[in-house]
C-alpha atoms as a PDB file:
ATOM      1  CA  MET A   1      15.339 -40.859  52.935  1.00  0.00           C
ATOM      2  CA  GLU A   2      13.197 -43.955  52.440  1.00  0.00           C
ATOM      3  CA  LYS A   3      12.647 -42.978  48.813  1.00  0.00           C
ATOM      4  CA  ASP A   4      16.425 -42.866  48.219  1.00  0.00           C
ATOM      5  CA  LYS A   5      16.733 -46.547  49.193  1.00  0.00           C
ATOM      6  CA  SER A   6      14.320 -47.638  46.447  1.00  0.00           C
ATOM      7  CA  ILE A   7      16.156 -45.856  43.616  1.00  0.00           C
ATOM      8  CA  SER A   8      18.878 -47.890  41.923  1.00  0.00           C
ATOM      9  CA  LEU A   9      22.382 -46.447  41.688  1.00  0.00           C
ATOM     10  CA  PRO A  10      22.197 -46.035  37.890  1.00  0.00           C
ATOM     11  CA  ASP A  11      18.869 -44.209  38.244  1.00  0.00           C
ATOM     12  CA  LYS A  12      20.386 -41.957  40.918  1.00  0.00           C
ATOM     13  CA  ILE A  13      23.224 -41.101  38.554  1.00  0.00           C
ATOM     14  CA  ILE A  14      20.826 -40.252  35.747  1.00  0.00           C
ATOM     15  CA  GLU A  15      18.673 -38.207  38.113  1.00  0.00           C
ATOM     16  CA  ILE A  16      21.708 -36.278  39.347  1.00  0.00           C
ATOM     17  CA  THR A  17      23.102 -35.620  35.870  1.00  0.00           C
ATOM     18  CA  ASN A  18      19.748 -34.537  34.469  1.00  0.00           C
ATOM     19  CA  SER A  19      19.949 -31.548  36.796  1.00  0.00           C
ATOM     20  CA  LEU A  20      23.367 -30.381  35.595  1.00  0.00           C
ATOM     21  CA  GLN A  21      23.988 -26.667  35.926  1.00  0.00           C
ATOM     22  CA  PRO A  22      27.325 -24.969  35.207  1.00  0.00           C
ATOM     23  CA  ASN A  23      27.569 -23.722  38.789  1.00  0.00           C
ATOM     24  CA  SER A  24      26.971 -27.182  40.270  1.00  0.00           C
ATOM     25  CA  LEU A  25      29.366 -29.311  38.210  1.00  0.00           C
ATOM     26  CA  ASN A  26      31.889 -29.893  41.018  1.00  0.00           C
ATOM     27  CA  GLU A  27      29.194 -30.872  43.482  1.00  0.00           C
ATOM     28  CA  ILE A  28      27.565 -33.230  40.997  1.00  0.00           C
ATOM     29  CA  ARG A  29      30.941 -34.688  40.040  1.00  0.00           C
ATOM     30  CA  GLU A  30      31.662 -35.504  43.696  1.00  0.00           C
ATOM     31  CA  LYS A  31      28.304 -37.281  44.034  1.00  0.00           C
ATOM     32  CA  LEU A  32      28.972 -39.197  40.831  1.00  0.00           C
ATOM     33  CA  LEU A  33      32.387 -40.341  42.037  1.00  0.00           C
ATOM     34  CA  VAL A  34      30.850 -41.982  45.093  1.00  0.00           C
ATOM     35  CA  LEU A  35      28.077 -43.684  43.111  1.00  0.00           C
ATOM     36  CA  ILE A  36      30.335 -44.818  40.263  1.00  0.00           C
ATOM     37  CA  ASN A  37      32.883 -46.265  42.696  1.00  0.00           C
ATOM     38  CA  GLU A  38      30.070 -48.143  44.384  1.00  0.00           C
ATOM     39  CA  LEU A  39      28.949 -49.554  41.043  1.00  0.00           C
ATOM     40  CA  ILE A  40      32.520 -50.500  40.111  1.00  0.00           C
ATOM     41  CA  ASN A  41      32.854 -52.428  43.369  1.00  0.00           C
ATOM     42  CA  LYS A  42      29.380 -53.929  43.698  1.00  0.00           C
ATOM     43  CA  ASP A  43      27.640 -54.084  40.314  1.00  0.00           C
ATOM     44  CA  PHE A  44      29.977 -53.552  37.374  1.00  0.00           C
ATOM     45  CA  GLN A  45      27.371 -54.842  34.908  1.00  0.00           C
ATOM     46  CA  ALA A  46      24.946 -52.121  36.039  1.00  0.00           C
ATOM     47  CA  LEU A  47      27.673 -49.548  35.402  1.00  0.00           C
ATOM     48  CA  ILE A  48      28.181 -50.855  31.863  1.00  0.00           C
ATOM     49  CA  GLN A  49      24.430 -50.707  31.241  1.00  0.00           C
ATOM     50  CA  LEU A  50      24.317 -47.173  32.630  1.00  0.00           C
ATOM     51  CA  LEU A  51      27.072 -46.024  30.277  1.00  0.00           C
ATOM     52  CA  TYR A  52      25.127 -47.466  27.330  1.00  0.00           C
ATOM     53  CA  ARG A  53      21.906 -45.905  28.612  1.00  0.00           C
ATOM     54  CA  ILE A  54      23.506 -42.472  28.888  1.00  0.00           C
ATOM     55  CA  ASP A  55      25.171 -43.120  25.516  1.00  0.00           C
ATOM     56  CA  VAL A  56      28.778 -42.559  26.537  1.00  0.00           C
ATOM     57  CA  ASN A  57      30.979 -43.521  23.601  1.00  0.00           C
ATOM     58  CA  GLU A  58      32.714 -46.841  24.319  1.00  0.00           C
ATOM     59  CA  LYS A  59      35.779 -45.961  22.227  1.00  0.00           C
ATOM     60  CA  LYS A  60      36.117 -42.706  24.134  1.00  0.00           C
ATOM     61  CA  ILE A  61      35.948 -44.574  27.445  1.00  0.00           C
ATOM     62  CA  ARG A  62      38.721 -46.947  26.387  1.00  0.00           C
ATOM     63  CA  LEU A  63      40.825 -44.102  24.990  1.00  0.00           C
ATOM     64  CA  TYR A  64      40.528 -41.958  28.124  1.00  0.00           C
ATOM     65  CA  LEU A  65      41.178 -44.878  30.464  1.00  0.00           C
ATOM     66  CA  ASN A  66      44.296 -45.807  28.451  1.00  0.00           C
ATOM     67  CA  GLU A  67      45.513 -42.202  28.267  1.00  0.00           C
ATOM     68  CA  LYS A  68      45.086 -41.690  32.013  1.00  0.00           C
ATOM     69  CA  PRO A  69      46.252 -44.936  33.623  1.00  0.00           C
ATOM     70  CA  ASN A  70      47.091 -43.242  36.929  1.00  0.00           C
ATOM     71  CA  GLU A  71      43.741 -41.502  37.236  1.00  0.00           C
ATOM     72  CA  ASP A  72      40.876 -43.098  39.129  1.00  0.00           C
ATOM     73  CA  ALA A  73      38.512 -44.860  36.684  1.00  0.00           C
ATOM     74  CA  ALA A  74      35.493 -43.398  38.472  1.00  0.00           C
ATOM     75  CA  SER A  75      36.899 -39.926  37.882  1.00  0.00           C
ATOM     76  CA  VAL A  76      37.330 -40.563  34.157  1.00  0.00           C
ATOM     77  CA  LEU A  77      33.841 -42.047  33.885  1.00  0.00           C
ATOM     78  CA  ALA A  78      32.262 -39.205  35.857  1.00  0.00           C
ATOM     79  CA  ASP A  79      33.842 -36.671  33.510  1.00  0.00           C
ATOM     80  CA  LEU A  80      32.630 -38.562  30.453  1.00  0.00           C
ATOM     81  CA  ILE A  81      29.103 -38.884  31.851  1.00  0.00           C
ATOM     82  CA  ILE A  82      28.982 -35.171  32.648  1.00  0.00           C
ATOM     83  CA  GLU A  83      30.346 -34.316  29.200  1.00  0.00           C
ATOM     84  CA  ARG A  84      27.702 -36.479  27.496  1.00  0.00           C
ATOM     85  CA  GLN A  85      24.852 -35.139  29.591  1.00  0.00           C
ATOM     86  CA  LEU A  86      25.933 -31.554  28.854  1.00  0.00           C
ATOM     87  CA  GLN A  87      25.948 -32.403  25.140  1.00  0.00           C
ATOM     88  CA  LYS A  88      22.392 -33.720  25.436  1.00  0.00           C
ATOM     89  CA  ILE A  89      21.255 -30.584  27.266  1.00  0.00           C
ATOM     90  CA  GLU A  90      22.816 -28.396  24.565  1.00  0.00           C
ATOM     91  CA  ASN A  91      21.189 -30.452  21.812  1.00  0.00           C
ATOM     92  CA  ARG A  92      17.794 -30.135  23.484  1.00  0.00           C
ATOM     93  CA  LYS A  93      18.217 -26.361  23.661  1.00  0.00           C
ATOM     94  CA  LYS A  94      19.151 -26.189  19.971  1.00  0.00           C
ATOM     95  CA  PHE A  95      16.263 -28.418  18.968  1.00  0.00           C
ATOM     96  CA  LYS A  96      13.826 -26.468  21.125  1.00  0.00           C
ATOM     97  CA  SER A  97      14.925 -23.091  19.759  1.00  0.00           C
ATOM     98  CA  LYS A  98      14.801 -24.450  16.201  1.00  0.00           C
ATOM     99  CA  ASN A  99      11.231 -25.645  16.745  1.00  0.00           C
ATOM    100  CA  ASN A 100      10.226 -22.336  18.319  1.00  0.00           C
ATOM    101  CA  ASN A 101      11.396 -20.480  15.206  1.00  0.00           C
ATOM    102  CA  GLU A 102       9.259 -22.530  12.822  1.00  0.00           C
ATOM    103  CA  THR A 103       5.823 -21.376  11.794  1.00  0.00           C
ATOM    104  CA  GLU A 104       2.850 -23.703  12.237  1.00  0.00           C
ATOM    105  CA  GLU A 105       2.913 -24.462   8.526  1.00  0.00           C
ATOM    106  CA  GLU A 106       6.599 -25.468   8.636  1.00  0.00           C
ATOM    107  CA  LYS A 107       5.977 -27.821  11.542  1.00  0.00           C
ATOM    108  CA  TRP A 108       3.690 -29.954   9.387  1.00  0.00           C
END
C-alpha cells in the first residue's frame, strides 16, 4: 500500500492500461473512471499531459466530448484511453509477428 502512495495518478493510469486484457476491460474502465475524475478535479494539467503521453488524439477528444455532452467526461476519456492502448497492443503484436517472420538476413 505504501508503494501506491508514491506513484502519480498518471503513472497509475498507464500502469493499469498497460495490463489491458479483453476479459478485464470493465474492471479497468471502472478504475480509470475514479483516477480520471480525481485528475479532472485536482490536477487537470496532469490529465492533459497524460493524454499526450498516451497519444490520445486531441481532435477525437473534442469530437467525442461535443457529441456526448450529457456523458461524464471521465467516461469519454476512459474509453478513448482504453481504445488507444488497445491499438498500441495490437500494433506491438503485428510488429512482433512481422519481425519473427523475417530471416536473419532480412533483419539487417
